[in-house]
C-alpha atoms as a PDB file:
ATOM      1  CA  MET A   1     -17.772  44.624  89.618  1.00  0.00           C
ATOM      2  CA  ALA A   2     -13.774  46.198  89.768  1.00  0.00           C
ATOM      3  CA  ALA A   3     -12.106  42.468  89.750  1.00  0.00           C
ATOM      4  CA  MET A   4     -14.498  41.787  86.268  1.00  0.00           C
ATOM      5  CA  MET A   5     -13.311  45.501  84.811  1.00  0.00           C
ATOM      6  CA  ALA A   6     -10.182  44.311  85.382  1.00  0.00           C
ATOM      7  CA  VAL A   7     -10.574  40.765  83.873  1.00  0.00           C
ATOM      8  CA  VAL A   8     -12.461  42.079  80.631  1.00  0.00           C
ATOM      9  CA  SER A   9      -9.576  44.986  80.135  1.00  0.00           C
ATOM     10  CA  SER A  10      -6.665  42.217  80.619  1.00  0.00           C
ATOM     11  CA  SER A  11      -8.368  40.631  77.778  1.00  0.00           C
ATOM     12  CA  LEU A  12      -8.655  43.092  75.465  1.00  0.00           C
ATOM     13  CA  PRO A  13      -5.482  43.742  72.690  1.00  0.00           C
ATOM     14  CA  ALA A  14      -3.453  46.550  73.631  1.00  0.00           C
ATOM     15  CA  GLN A  15      -4.081  49.963  71.828  1.00  0.00           C
ATOM     16  CA  GLU A  16      -1.846  50.479  69.041  1.00  0.00           C
ATOM     17  CA  SER A  17       0.405  53.858  69.635  1.00  0.00           C
ATOM     18  CA  SER A  18      -2.060  56.826  68.651  1.00  0.00           C
ATOM     19  CA  ARG A  19       1.018  58.997  67.072  1.00  0.00           C
ATOM     20  CA  SER A  20       3.801  58.199  65.125  1.00  0.00           C
ATOM     21  CA  VAL A  21       6.987  60.101  64.177  1.00  0.00           C
ATOM     22  CA  ARG A  22       5.875  61.271  61.467  1.00  0.00           C
ATOM     23  CA  ASP A  23       3.270  63.203  62.965  1.00  0.00           C
ATOM     24  CA  GLY A  24       5.861  65.914  64.126  1.00  0.00           C
ATOM     25  CA  VAL A  25       7.622  64.428  67.571  1.00  0.00           C
ATOM     26  CA  TYR A  26      10.252  66.887  68.115  1.00  0.00           C
ATOM     27  CA  THR A  27      11.216  70.621  67.385  1.00  0.00           C
ATOM     28  CA  GLU A  28      14.033  71.768  65.239  1.00  0.00           C
ATOM     29  CA  ALA A  29      16.097  73.519  68.196  1.00  0.00           C
ATOM     30  CA  GLN A  30      15.939  69.856  69.217  1.00  0.00           C
ATOM     31  CA  ALA A  31      17.525  68.351  66.690  1.00  0.00           C
ATOM     32  CA  HIS A  32      20.159  71.162  66.053  1.00  0.00           C
ATOM     33  CA  ARG A  33      21.665  69.944  69.553  1.00  0.00           C
ATOM     34  CA  GLY A  34      21.503  66.797  68.500  1.00  0.00           C
ATOM     35  CA  GLY A  35      23.225  67.530  65.627  1.00  0.00           C
ATOM     36  CA  GLU A  36      25.954  69.015  67.882  1.00  0.00           C
ATOM     37  CA  ALA A  37      25.965  66.165  70.353  1.00  0.00           C
ATOM     38  CA  PHE A  38      26.032  63.806  66.981  1.00  0.00           C
ATOM     39  CA  ALA A  39      29.490  65.077  65.975  1.00  0.00           C
ATOM     40  CA  GLN A  40      31.005  65.429  69.638  1.00  0.00           C
ATOM     41  CA  HIS A  41      29.805  61.567  70.628  1.00  0.00           C
ATOM     42  CA  CYS A  42      28.654  59.172  67.448  1.00  0.00           C
ATOM     43  CA  ALA A  43      29.963  60.614  63.889  1.00  0.00           C
ATOM     44  CA  SER A  44      33.702  59.015  64.195  1.00  0.00           C
ATOM     45  CA  CYS A  45      31.737  55.865  63.995  1.00  0.00           C
ATOM     46  CA  HIS A  46      28.501  56.537  62.059  1.00  0.00           C
ATOM     47  CA  GLY A  47      30.240  59.175  59.861  1.00  0.00           C
ATOM     48  CA  THR A  48      28.996  63.207  59.806  1.00  0.00           C
ATOM     49  CA  SER A  49      26.639  61.946  57.139  1.00  0.00           C
ATOM     50  CA  LEU A  50      25.049  59.132  59.630  1.00  0.00           C
ATOM     51  CA  GLY A  51      25.929  57.021  57.134  1.00  0.00           C
ATOM     52  CA  GLY A  52      28.065  54.352  59.102  1.00  0.00           C
ATOM     53  CA  ILE A  53      31.602  53.648  58.908  1.00  0.00           C
ATOM     54  CA  GLY A  54      32.953  50.074  58.780  1.00  0.00           C
ATOM     55  CA  GLU A  55      31.128  48.468  61.790  1.00  0.00           C
ATOM     56  CA  ALA A  56      29.056  51.164  62.486  1.00  0.00           C
ATOM     57  CA  PRO A  57      25.105  50.980  60.827  1.00  0.00           C
ATOM     58  CA  SER A  58      23.472  53.629  59.146  1.00  0.00           C
ATOM     59  CA  LEU A  59      21.514  55.683  60.586  1.00  0.00           C
ATOM     60  CA  VAL A  60      19.852  57.282  57.769  1.00  0.00           C
ATOM     61  CA  GLY A  61      17.856  55.530  54.826  1.00  0.00           C
ATOM     62  CA  GLY A  62      15.893  52.402  54.023  1.00  0.00           C
ATOM     63  CA  GLN A  63      17.423  49.713  55.884  1.00  0.00           C
ATOM     64  CA  PHE A  64      17.900  51.477  59.003  1.00  0.00           C
ATOM     65  CA  ILE A  65      13.921  52.624  58.592  1.00  0.00           C
ATOM     66  CA  SER A  66      13.415  49.237  57.573  1.00  0.00           C
ATOM     67  CA  ASP A  67      14.713  48.035  60.813  1.00  0.00           C
ATOM     68  CA  PHE A  68      12.635  50.193  63.199  1.00  0.00           C
ATOM     69  CA  ASP A  69       9.355  49.974  61.211  1.00  0.00           C
ATOM     70  CA  GLY A  70       6.581  48.941  63.070  1.00  0.00           C
ATOM     71  CA  LEU A  71       8.301  49.319  66.649  1.00  0.00           C
ATOM     72  CA  ASN A  72       7.714  52.129  69.659  1.00  0.00           C
ATOM     73  CA  LEU A  73      10.183  54.935  70.006  1.00  0.00           C
ATOM     74  CA  ALA A  74      10.695  53.644  73.000  1.00  0.00           C
ATOM     75  CA  ASP A  75      12.659  50.485  71.618  1.00  0.00           C
ATOM     76  CA  LEU A  76      14.960  52.912  69.174  1.00  0.00           C
ATOM     77  CA  PHE A  77      15.554  55.041  72.222  1.00  0.00           C
ATOM     78  CA  ASP A  78      16.662  52.832  75.258  1.00  0.00           C
ATOM     79  CA  ARG A  79      18.542  51.114  72.203  1.00  0.00           C
ATOM     80  CA  ILE A  80      20.749  54.230  71.335  1.00  0.00           C
ATOM     81  CA  ARG A  81      20.695  54.972  75.067  1.00  0.00           C
ATOM     82  CA  THR A  82      22.157  51.388  76.511  1.00  0.00           C
ATOM     83  CA  THR A  83      24.811  50.735  73.987  1.00  0.00           C
ATOM     84  CA  MET A  84      26.033  54.136  72.972  1.00  0.00           C
ATOM     85  CA  PRO A  85      28.377  55.502  72.748  1.00  0.00           C
ATOM     86  CA  LEU A  86      30.594  52.257  72.041  1.00  0.00           C
ATOM     87  CA  ASN A  87      33.147  53.423  74.086  1.00  0.00           C
ATOM     88  CA  TYR A  88      30.820  55.295  77.271  1.00  0.00           C
ATOM     89  CA  PRO A  89      27.535  53.500  76.836  1.00  0.00           C
ATOM     90  CA  GLY A  90      24.532  55.015  78.423  1.00  0.00           C
ATOM     91  CA  GLY A  91      27.100  58.156  79.061  1.00  0.00           C
ATOM     92  CA  LEU A  92      25.335  60.801  78.131  1.00  0.00           C
ATOM     93  CA  HIS A  93      22.341  62.160  79.822  1.00  0.00           C
ATOM     94  CA  ARG A  94      18.616  61.348  78.744  1.00  0.00           C
ATOM     95  CA  GLU A  95      18.321  64.283  77.195  1.00  0.00           C
ATOM     96  CA  GLN A  96      20.946  64.634  74.839  1.00  0.00           C
ATOM     97  CA  TYR A  97      20.113  61.049  73.403  1.00  0.00           C
ATOM     98  CA  ALA A  98      16.815  62.556  73.271  1.00  0.00           C
ATOM     99  CA  ASP A  99      18.069  65.278  71.275  1.00  0.00           C
ATOM    100  CA  ILE A 100      20.523  62.890  69.637  1.00  0.00           C
ATOM    101  CA  LEU A 101      16.967  60.978  68.339  1.00  0.00           C
ATOM    102  CA  ALA A 102      15.148  64.060  67.210  1.00  0.00           C
ATOM    103  CA  PHE A 103      18.495  64.585  64.749  1.00  0.00           C
ATOM    104  CA  VAL A 104      18.417  60.800  63.403  1.00  0.00           C
ATOM    105  CA  LEU A 105      14.822  61.673  63.080  1.00  0.00           C
ATOM    106  CA  ARG A 106      15.357  64.704  60.985  1.00  0.00           C
ATOM    107  CA  SER A 107      18.092  63.288  58.875  1.00  0.00           C
ATOM    108  CA  ASN A 108      15.474  60.264  57.754  1.00  0.00           C
ATOM    109  CA  GLY A 109      12.809  63.166  56.823  1.00  0.00           C
ATOM    110  CA  PHE A 110      10.772  62.998  59.335  1.00  0.00           C
ATOM    111  CA  PRO A 111       8.905  66.197  60.102  1.00  0.00           C
ATOM    112  CA  THR A 112       9.428  68.423  63.045  1.00  0.00           C
ATOM    113  CA  GLY A 113       6.668  69.868  66.090  1.00  0.00           C
ATOM    114  CA  GLN A 114       5.756  71.768  68.200  1.00  0.00           C
ATOM    115  CA  ASN A 115       7.050  69.663  71.091  1.00  0.00           C
ATOM    116  CA  GLN A 116      10.618  68.219  71.999  1.00  0.00           C
ATOM    117  CA  LEU A 117      10.920  64.605  72.197  1.00  0.00           C
ATOM    118  CA  ASP A 118      10.779  63.518  75.890  1.00  0.00           C
ATOM    119  CA  HIS A 119      13.122  61.787  77.287  1.00  0.00           C
ATOM    120  CA  ARG A 120      11.481  59.192  79.265  1.00  0.00           C
ATOM    121  CA  SER A 121      10.929  55.592  77.754  1.00  0.00           C
ATOM    122  CA  GLU A 122       7.344  55.245  78.900  1.00  0.00           C
ATOM    123  CA  TYR A 123       5.981  58.594  76.931  1.00  0.00           C
ATOM    124  CA  LEU A 124       8.480  57.560  73.528  1.00  0.00           C
ATOM    125  CA  SER A 125       6.669  53.888  73.957  1.00  0.00           C
ATOM    126  CA  ASP A 126       3.404  55.897  72.719  1.00  0.00           C
ATOM    127  CA  ILE A 127       4.685  57.063  69.674  1.00  0.00           C
ATOM    128  CA  ARG A 128       5.147  54.502  66.402  1.00  0.00           C
ATOM    129  CA  PHE A 129       8.488  54.622  64.371  1.00  0.00           C
ATOM    130  CA  GLN A 130       6.708  54.361  60.891  1.00  0.00           C
ATOM    131  CA  ALA A 131       8.357  54.466  57.950  1.00  0.00           C
ATOM    132  CA  PRO A 132       7.304  57.000  55.143  1.00  0.00           C
ATOM    133  CA  ASN A 133       5.483  55.477  52.422  1.00  0.00           C
ATOM    134  CA  ARG A 134       3.042  53.294  55.171  1.00  0.00           C
END
């Protein structure tokens, strides 16, 4: 019976994440900390307004949101965590990356919530990055 259940459950399509960034997945305090960390570690390339400088892309607006729309938040978190800052990839604590991601979400107009954004990818994979107009 257990083997049959395993076969049946493995053939079912993966469930879509039940939460999205539009559900308030970070706190205001976390976004504030993220803004401070962004200013220290990211603004020299991405600009103080997150609009991008030179080769560094904008982290706000339609193109940024379109690039990640439909992915889960772990995809964005892991990209930031493994490639940034450019001169020290992976050099920040996971909590700092989560704070910076909260700041980026707030800067794109996504609402705050009651709980901090987790710093573990396995939890962030349950949150969809979803454009505001979808």
